[in-house]
Amino acid sequence: MTYAYLLIAICCEVVATSALKETHGFTRLTPSIVTVIGYALAFYFLSLPLRTIPVGVVYAVWSGAGIVLIAAIGFFVFRQKLDLGALVGLALIVSGVLVVNLFSNTLNH
């Protein structure tokens, strides 16, 4: 369940951040409510994997996945452009998260 909680935290954060763009400075009620609830749920579910996984690893996975997913939503939903530098940077983030998860012994302690 540890990684399920982390996945839920990532999804909640992505929904909240996506809604944050639509709040227009918290002047629109519905996206503002979605943002606040989404971040509250994200932090709650983010706290659960911290019982068994080191904070640095949890945060790396959460933030890395969130960055990549938000960039994808920005591209597909909000029609925001991603140049070569952005794509290379996103690929490096994904690579870093994979290295931590596949090759680090930190998760085994």
N, C-alpha and C. Protein backbone atom coordinates (compact mmCIF):
# COMPACT_ATOMS: atom_id res chain seq x y z
N MET A 1 0.82 -1.21 0.00
CA MET A 1 0.00 0.00 0.00
C MET A 1 0.86 1.27 0.00
N THR A 2 2.11 1.16 0.38
CA THR A 2 2.96 2.34 0.48
C THR A 2 3.03 3.10 -0.84
N TYR A 3 3.28 2.38 -1.92
CA TYR A 3 3.37 3.05 -3.22
C TYR A 3 2.00 3.46 -3.74
N ALA A 4 0.95 2.78 -3.32
CA ALA A 4 -0.40 3.21 -3.68
C ALA A 4 -0.69 4.57 -3.05
N TYR A 5 -0.30 4.74 -1.78
CA TYR A 5 -0.49 6.04 -1.12
C TYR A 5 0.31 7.13 -1.82
N LEU A 6 1.52 6.79 -2.23
CA LEU A 6 2.35 7.77 -2.93
C LEU A 6 1.72 8.13 -4.27
N LEU A 7 1.18 7.17 -4.97
CA LEU A 7 0.50 7.43 -6.24
C LEU A 7 -0.73 8.33 -6.03
N ILE A 8 -1.48 8.06 -4.98
CA ILE A 8 -2.65 8.90 -4.67
C ILE A 8 -2.20 10.33 -4.36
N ALA A 9 -1.12 10.46 -3.60
CA ALA A 9 -0.58 11.79 -3.27
C ALA A 9 -0.18 12.53 -4.54
N ILE A 10 0.47 11.84 -5.46
CA ILE A 10 0.88 12.45 -6.72
C ILE A 10 -0.34 12.90 -7.51
N CYS A 11 -1.34 12.05 -7.61
CA CYS A 11 -2.55 12.40 -8.36
C CYS A 11 -3.26 13.60 -7.75
N CYS A 12 -3.37 13.63 -6.42
CA CYS A 12 -4.02 14.76 -5.75
C CYS A 12 -3.25 16.05 -5.99
N GLU A 13 -1.93 15.98 -5.94
CA GLU A 13 -1.11 17.17 -6.17
C GLU A 13 -1.25 17.67 -7.60
N VAL A 14 -1.31 16.76 -8.56
CA VAL A 14 -1.45 17.14 -9.96
C VAL A 14 -2.82 17.78 -10.21
N VAL A 15 -3.86 17.22 -9.63
CA VAL A 15 -5.20 17.81 -9.77
C VAL A 15 -5.21 19.20 -9.12
N ALA A 16 -4.64 19.32 -7.93
CA ALA A 16 -4.63 20.60 -7.22
C ALA A 16 -3.85 21.66 -8.00
N THR A 17 -2.70 21.29 -8.53
CA THR A 17 -1.89 22.25 -9.28
C THR A 17 -2.56 22.64 -10.57
N SER A 18 -3.20 21.69 -11.23
CA SER A 18 -3.94 22.00 -12.45
C SER A 18 -5.09 22.96 -12.15
N ALA A 19 -5.79 22.73 -11.05
CA ALA A 19 -6.89 23.61 -10.65
C ALA A 19 -6.37 24.98 -10.24
N LEU A 20 -5.17 25.01 -9.66
CA LEU A 20 -4.58 26.28 -9.22
C LEU A 20 -4.47 27.27 -10.37
N LYS A 21 -4.14 26.80 -11.55
CA LYS A 21 -4.06 27.69 -12.71
C LYS A 21 -5.42 28.32 -13.00
N GLU A 22 -6.48 27.58 -12.76
CA GLU A 22 -7.83 28.05 -13.07
C GLU A 22 -8.45 28.91 -11.97
N THR A 23 -7.75 29.06 -10.83
CA THR A 23 -8.30 29.88 -9.74
C THR A 23 -8.22 31.37 -10.06
N HIS A 24 -7.31 31.73 -10.96
CA HIS A 24 -7.09 33.15 -11.30
C HIS A 24 -6.85 33.95 -10.02
N GLY A 25 -5.83 33.52 -9.27
CA GLY A 25 -5.49 34.21 -8.02
C GLY A 25 -6.50 33.99 -6.92
N PHE A 26 -7.11 32.84 -6.89
CA PHE A 26 -8.14 32.46 -5.91
C PHE A 26 -9.35 33.39 -5.98
N THR A 27 -9.69 33.83 -7.19
CA THR A 27 -10.89 34.64 -7.38
C THR A 27 -12.05 33.81 -7.90
N ARG A 28 -11.80 32.56 -8.24
CA ARG A 28 -12.87 31.67 -8.71
C ARG A 28 -13.05 30.56 -7.68
N LEU A 29 -14.28 30.40 -7.20
CA LEU A 29 -14.56 29.54 -6.05
C LEU A 29 -14.28 28.06 -6.30
N THR A 30 -14.86 27.49 -7.34
CA THR A 30 -14.75 26.03 -7.54
C THR A 30 -13.31 25.57 -7.71
N PRO A 31 -12.53 26.18 -8.61
CA PRO A 31 -11.14 25.72 -8.71
C PRO A 31 -10.35 25.99 -7.43
N SER A 32 -10.71 27.03 -6.68
CA SER A 32 -10.03 27.31 -5.42
C SER A 32 -10.29 26.20 -4.41
N ILE A 33 -11.52 25.75 -4.33
CA ILE A 33 -11.87 24.65 -3.42
C ILE A 33 -11.15 23.37 -3.83
N VAL A 34 -11.14 23.07 -5.13
CA VAL A 34 -10.44 21.88 -5.64
C VAL A 34 -8.96 21.95 -5.28
N THR A 35 -8.37 23.13 -5.42
CA THR A 35 -6.95 23.31 -5.10
C THR A 35 -6.67 23.04 -3.63
N VAL A 36 -7.43 23.65 -2.75
CA VAL A 36 -7.19 23.50 -1.31
C VAL A 36 -7.41 22.05 -0.87
N ILE A 37 -8.49 21.44 -1.29
CA ILE A 37 -8.77 20.05 -0.92
C ILE A 37 -7.73 19.12 -1.53
N GLY A 38 -7.37 19.38 -2.79
CA GLY A 38 -6.37 18.53 -3.46
C GLY A 38 -5.03 18.56 -2.75
N TYR A 39 -4.57 19.76 -2.36
CA TYR A 39 -3.29 19.84 -1.64
C TYR A 39 -3.39 19.21 -0.25
N ALA A 40 -4.51 19.39 0.42
CA ALA A 40 -4.67 18.77 1.74
C ALA A 40 -4.60 17.25 1.63
N LEU A 41 -5.30 16.70 0.66
CA LEU A 41 -5.25 15.25 0.46
C LEU A 41 -3.86 14.79 0.03
N ALA A 42 -3.22 15.58 -0.83
CA ALA A 42 -1.88 15.23 -1.28
C ALA A 42 -0.92 15.13 -0.11
N PHE A 43 -0.95 16.11 0.78
CA PHE A 43 -0.04 16.07 1.92
C PHE A 43 -0.40 14.96 2.90
N TYR A 44 -1.67 14.68 3.07
CA TYR A 44 -2.05 13.57 3.94
C TYR A 44 -1.50 12.25 3.37
N PHE A 45 -1.79 11.99 2.10
CA PHE A 45 -1.33 10.73 1.51
C PHE A 45 0.19 10.69 1.35
N LEU A 46 0.82 11.85 1.23
CA LEU A 46 2.28 11.90 1.17
C LEU A 46 2.89 11.52 2.52
N SER A 47 2.19 11.80 3.59
CA SER A 47 2.72 11.47 4.92
C SER A 47 2.75 9.97 5.19
N LEU A 48 1.88 9.23 4.54
CA LEU A 48 1.78 7.79 4.83
C LEU A 48 3.00 6.98 4.38
N PRO A 49 3.54 7.20 3.17
CA PRO A 49 4.75 6.44 2.79
C PRO A 49 5.97 6.80 3.63
N LEU A 50 5.94 7.95 4.30
CA LEU A 50 7.08 8.36 5.11
C LEU A 50 7.28 7.45 6.33
N ARG A 51 6.31 6.61 6.60
CA ARG A 51 6.46 5.64 7.70
C ARG A 51 7.52 4.59 7.38
N THR A 52 7.69 4.30 6.07
CA THR A 52 8.60 3.21 5.70
C THR A 52 9.66 3.59 4.67
N ILE A 53 9.48 4.71 3.97
CA ILE A 53 10.43 5.12 2.94
C ILE A 53 11.07 6.43 3.38
N PRO A 54 12.37 6.59 3.18
CA PRO A 54 13.03 7.83 3.58
C PRO A 54 12.42 9.06 2.90
N VAL A 55 12.41 10.18 3.62
CA VAL A 55 11.76 11.39 3.15
C VAL A 55 12.35 11.88 1.82
N GLY A 56 13.66 11.76 1.64
CA GLY A 56 14.28 12.21 0.40
C GLY A 56 13.79 11.43 -0.81
N VAL A 57 13.61 10.14 -0.64
CA VAL A 57 13.14 9.29 -1.73
C VAL A 57 11.67 9.59 -2.03
N VAL A 58 10.86 9.68 -0.99
CA VAL A 58 9.43 9.97 -1.18
C VAL A 58 9.27 11.31 -1.89
N TYR A 59 10.00 12.31 -1.43
CA TYR A 59 9.86 13.64 -2.02
C TYR A 59 10.38 13.66 -3.45
N ALA A 60 11.46 12.95 -3.74
CA ALA A 60 11.99 12.89 -5.10
C ALA A 60 10.97 12.29 -6.06
N VAL A 61 10.35 11.20 -5.66
CA VAL A 61 9.35 10.56 -6.51
C VAL A 61 8.13 11.45 -6.67
N TRP A 62 7.64 11.99 -5.56
CA TRP A 62 6.44 12.84 -5.58
C TRP A 62 6.64 14.07 -6.43
N SER A 63 7.72 14.78 -6.18
CA SER A 63 7.93 16.03 -6.91
C SER A 63 8.31 15.76 -8.36
N GLY A 64 9.14 14.74 -8.61
CA GLY A 64 9.53 14.42 -9.98
C GLY A 64 8.34 14.01 -10.84
N ALA A 65 7.54 13.12 -10.31
CA ALA A 65 6.35 12.68 -11.06
C ALA A 65 5.38 13.84 -11.25
N GLY A 66 5.22 14.65 -10.21
CA GLY A 66 4.33 15.80 -10.31
C GLY A 66 4.77 16.78 -11.38
N ILE A 67 6.08 17.07 -11.43
CA ILE A 67 6.61 18.00 -12.43
C ILE A 67 6.34 17.49 -13.83
N VAL A 68 6.62 16.23 -14.06
CA VAL A 68 6.44 15.67 -15.41
C VAL A 68 4.95 15.64 -15.78
N LEU A 69 4.10 15.23 -14.86
CA LEU A 69 2.67 15.18 -15.16
C LEU A 69 2.08 16.57 -15.37
N ILE A 70 2.49 17.54 -14.58
CA ILE A 70 2.00 18.91 -14.76
C ILE A 70 2.48 19.46 -16.09
N ALA A 71 3.71 19.17 -16.47
CA ALA A 71 4.20 19.63 -17.78
C ALA A 71 3.38 19.00 -18.91
N ALA A 72 3.03 17.73 -18.76
CA ALA A 72 2.20 17.06 -19.77
C ALA A 72 0.81 17.67 -19.83
N ILE A 73 0.23 17.95 -18.67
CA ILE A 73 -1.10 18.59 -18.65
C ILE A 73 -1.01 19.99 -19.26
N GLY A 74 0.04 20.72 -18.93
CA GLY A 74 0.23 22.04 -19.52
C GLY A 74 0.30 21.96 -21.03
N PHE A 75 0.98 20.95 -21.54
CA PHE A 75 1.12 20.78 -22.99
C PHE A 75 -0.20 20.38 -23.65
N PHE A 76 -0.84 19.33 -23.12
CA PHE A 76 -2.03 18.78 -23.76
C PHE A 76 -3.32 19.55 -23.45
N VAL A 77 -3.48 20.02 -22.23
CA VAL A 77 -4.72 20.66 -21.82
C VAL A 77 -4.66 22.17 -22.03
N PHE A 78 -3.57 22.79 -21.57
CA PHE A 78 -3.47 24.24 -21.63
C PHE A 78 -2.72 24.74 -22.87
N ARG A 79 -2.30 23.80 -23.73
CA ARG A 79 -1.63 24.14 -25.00
C ARG A 79 -0.36 24.97 -24.79
N GLN A 80 0.37 24.66 -23.72
CA GLN A 80 1.62 25.35 -23.46
C GLN A 80 2.75 24.62 -24.19
N LYS A 81 3.67 25.37 -24.76
CA LYS A 81 4.76 24.79 -25.54
C LYS A 81 5.88 24.30 -24.62
N LEU A 82 6.53 23.21 -25.05
CA LEU A 82 7.72 22.71 -24.38
C LEU A 82 8.85 22.68 -25.40
N ASP A 83 9.91 23.45 -25.14
CA ASP A 83 11.02 23.45 -26.08
C ASP A 83 11.98 22.31 -25.76
N LEU A 84 13.05 22.22 -26.54
CA LEU A 84 14.00 21.12 -26.37
C LEU A 84 14.60 21.10 -24.97
N GLY A 85 14.95 22.28 -24.45
CA GLY A 85 15.51 22.35 -23.11
C GLY A 85 14.55 21.80 -22.05
N ALA A 86 13.28 22.14 -22.19
CA ALA A 86 12.27 21.64 -21.24
C ALA A 86 12.14 20.12 -21.34
N LEU A 87 12.12 19.60 -22.55
CA LEU A 87 12.00 18.15 -22.74
C LEU A 87 13.21 17.41 -22.20
N VAL A 88 14.41 17.95 -22.42
CA VAL A 88 15.63 17.33 -21.89
C VAL A 88 15.59 17.36 -20.36
N GLY A 89 15.21 18.51 -19.80
CA GLY A 89 15.12 18.61 -18.34
C GLY A 89 14.13 17.63 -17.75
N LEU A 90 12.98 17.49 -18.39
CA LEU A 90 11.97 16.53 -17.91
C LEU A 90 12.49 15.10 -18.00
N ALA A 91 13.21 14.80 -19.08
CA ALA A 91 13.79 13.46 -19.23
C ALA A 91 14.82 13.19 -18.13
N LEU A 92 15.59 14.21 -17.77
CA LEU A 92 16.56 14.04 -16.69
C LEU A 92 15.87 13.82 -15.34
N ILE A 93 14.75 14.50 -15.12
CA ILE A 93 13.99 14.29 -13.88
C ILE A 93 13.50 12.85 -13.81
N VAL A 94 12.90 12.37 -14.89
CA VAL A 94 12.41 10.98 -14.93
C VAL A 94 13.58 10.02 -14.71
N SER A 95 14.71 10.29 -15.35
CA SER A 95 15.89 9.43 -15.19
C SER A 95 16.35 9.40 -13.73
N GLY A 96 16.36 10.56 -13.09
CA GLY A 96 16.77 10.62 -11.70
C GLY A 96 15.86 9.83 -10.78
N VAL A 97 14.56 9.94 -10.99
CA VAL A 97 13.61 9.19 -10.18
C VAL A 97 13.79 7.68 -10.41
N LEU A 98 14.01 7.30 -11.65
CA LEU A 98 14.24 5.88 -11.96
C LEU A 98 15.52 5.37 -11.30
N VAL A 99 16.58 6.14 -11.34
CA VAL A 99 17.84 5.73 -10.72
C VAL A 99 17.65 5.53 -9.22
N VAL A 100 16.98 6.47 -8.58
CA VAL A 100 16.74 6.34 -7.13
C VAL A 100 15.96 5.07 -6.84
N ASN A 101 14.92 4.80 -7.62
CA ASN A 101 14.06 3.65 -7.34
C ASN A 101 14.65 2.32 -7.75
N LEU A 102 15.43 2.29 -8.81
CA LEU A 102 15.95 1.02 -9.32
C LEU A 102 17.32 0.65 -8.78
N PHE A 103 18.15 1.64 -8.46
CA PHE A 103 19.54 1.35 -8.14
C PHE A 103 19.97 1.75 -6.75
N SER A 104 19.13 2.42 -6.00
CA SER A 104 19.50 2.84 -4.65
C SER A 104 19.11 1.77 -3.64
N ASN A 105 20.00 1.51 -2.70
CA ASN A 105 19.69 0.59 -1.60
C ASN A 105 18.96 1.27 -0.47
N THR A 106 18.71 2.56 -0.59
CA THR A 106 18.02 3.32 0.45
C THR A 106 16.65 2.75 0.74
N LEU A 107 15.97 2.25 -0.30
CA LEU A 107 14.63 1.72 -0.11
C LEU A 107 14.62 0.42 0.69
N ASN A 108 15.75 -0.26 0.76
CA ASN A 108 15.81 -1.55 1.45
C ASN A 108 16.12 -1.44 2.93
N HIS A 109 16.31 -0.22 3.43
CA HIS A 109 16.67 -0.06 4.84
C HIS A 109 15.49 0.37 5.66
